[in-house]
Amino acid sequence: MEDRISAPHVARLIGIKTATLAKWRCMGKGPKGWIQVSPTHVTYPLSEVEQFLAERAAKTPTRV
């Protein structure tokens, strides 16, 4: 079984508010594979979050 992490934890890792992450879910943005466990609890697959962060880092220009 794949490791899953909570939406608040994902938001902290990305550096956004949980409300922004919720908006992203509605817009089809952000990490994929989320599951709504209950009306107030959403989880994401850890592998998808790691992939999203890696892709985001690759797109971000580095400062010299």
Protein backbone atom coordinates (compact mmCIF):
# COMPACT_ATOMS: atom_id res chain seq x y z
CA MET A 1 0.00 0.00 0.00
CA GLU A 2 1.30 3.42 -0.96
CA ASP A 3 2.16 6.02 1.68
CA ARG A 4 -0.29 8.92 1.78
CA ILE A 5 0.00 12.31 3.46
CA SER A 6 -2.61 14.80 4.58
CA ALA A 7 -3.52 17.95 2.66
CA PRO A 8 -2.19 20.31 5.39
CA HIS A 9 1.17 18.52 5.26
CA VAL A 10 1.22 18.76 1.44
CA ALA A 11 0.43 22.48 1.61
CA ARG A 12 3.32 23.04 4.04
CA LEU A 13 5.72 21.11 1.78
CA ILE A 14 4.69 23.17 -1.25
CA GLY A 15 4.67 26.43 0.71
CA ILE A 16 1.03 27.37 0.16
CA LYS A 17 -2.09 27.65 2.30
CA THR A 18 -4.44 24.69 2.61
CA ALA A 19 -7.18 26.80 1.03
CA THR A 20 -4.99 27.33 -2.04
CA LEU A 21 -4.38 23.59 -2.26
CA ALA A 22 -8.16 23.02 -2.08
CA LYS A 23 -8.66 25.53 -4.93
CA TRP A 24 -5.99 23.74 -6.94
CA ARG A 25 -7.89 20.46 -6.50
CA CYS A 26 -11.01 22.09 -7.98
CA MET A 27 -8.95 23.47 -10.87
CA GLY A 28 -7.12 20.19 -11.55
CA LYS A 29 -3.76 21.67 -10.54
CA GLY A 30 -1.20 20.45 -8.01
CA PRO A 31 -0.33 16.89 -7.06
CA LYS A 32 -2.53 14.19 -8.58
CA GLY A 33 -4.13 11.16 -6.95
CA TRP A 34 -5.80 12.86 -4.01
CA ILE A 35 -8.59 11.07 -2.17
CA GLN A 36 -11.26 12.65 -0.01
CA VAL A 37 -11.33 10.31 2.99
CA SER A 38 -14.08 12.27 4.76
CA PRO A 39 -15.75 15.66 4.23
CA THR A 40 -12.85 17.35 6.04
CA HIS A 41 -9.88 15.04 5.31
CA VAL A 42 -8.01 14.73 2.00
CA THR A 43 -4.85 12.69 1.42
CA TYR A 44 -2.29 12.59 -1.38
CA PRO A 45 0.07 9.82 -2.49
CA LEU A 46 3.57 10.67 -1.28
CA SER A 47 5.06 9.70 -4.65
CA GLU A 48 2.80 12.18 -6.49
CA VAL A 49 3.72 14.97 -4.09
CA GLU A 50 7.43 14.24 -4.54
CA GLN A 51 7.00 14.20 -8.33
CA PHE A 52 5.09 17.50 -8.25
CA LEU A 53 7.81 19.14 -6.13
CA ALA A 54 10.56 17.83 -8.43
CA GLU A 55 8.78 19.14 -11.54
CA ARG A 56 8.18 22.49 -9.87
CA ALA A 57 11.84 22.75 -8.85
CA ALA A 58 12.95 21.95 -12.40
CA LYS A 59 10.82 24.80 -13.76
CA THR A 60 12.09 27.34 -11.22
CA PRO A 61 15.12 29.30 -12.46
CA THR A 62 18.08 29.28 -10.10
CA ARG A 63 19.53 32.54 -8.85
CA VAL A 64 23.23 33.17 -9.12
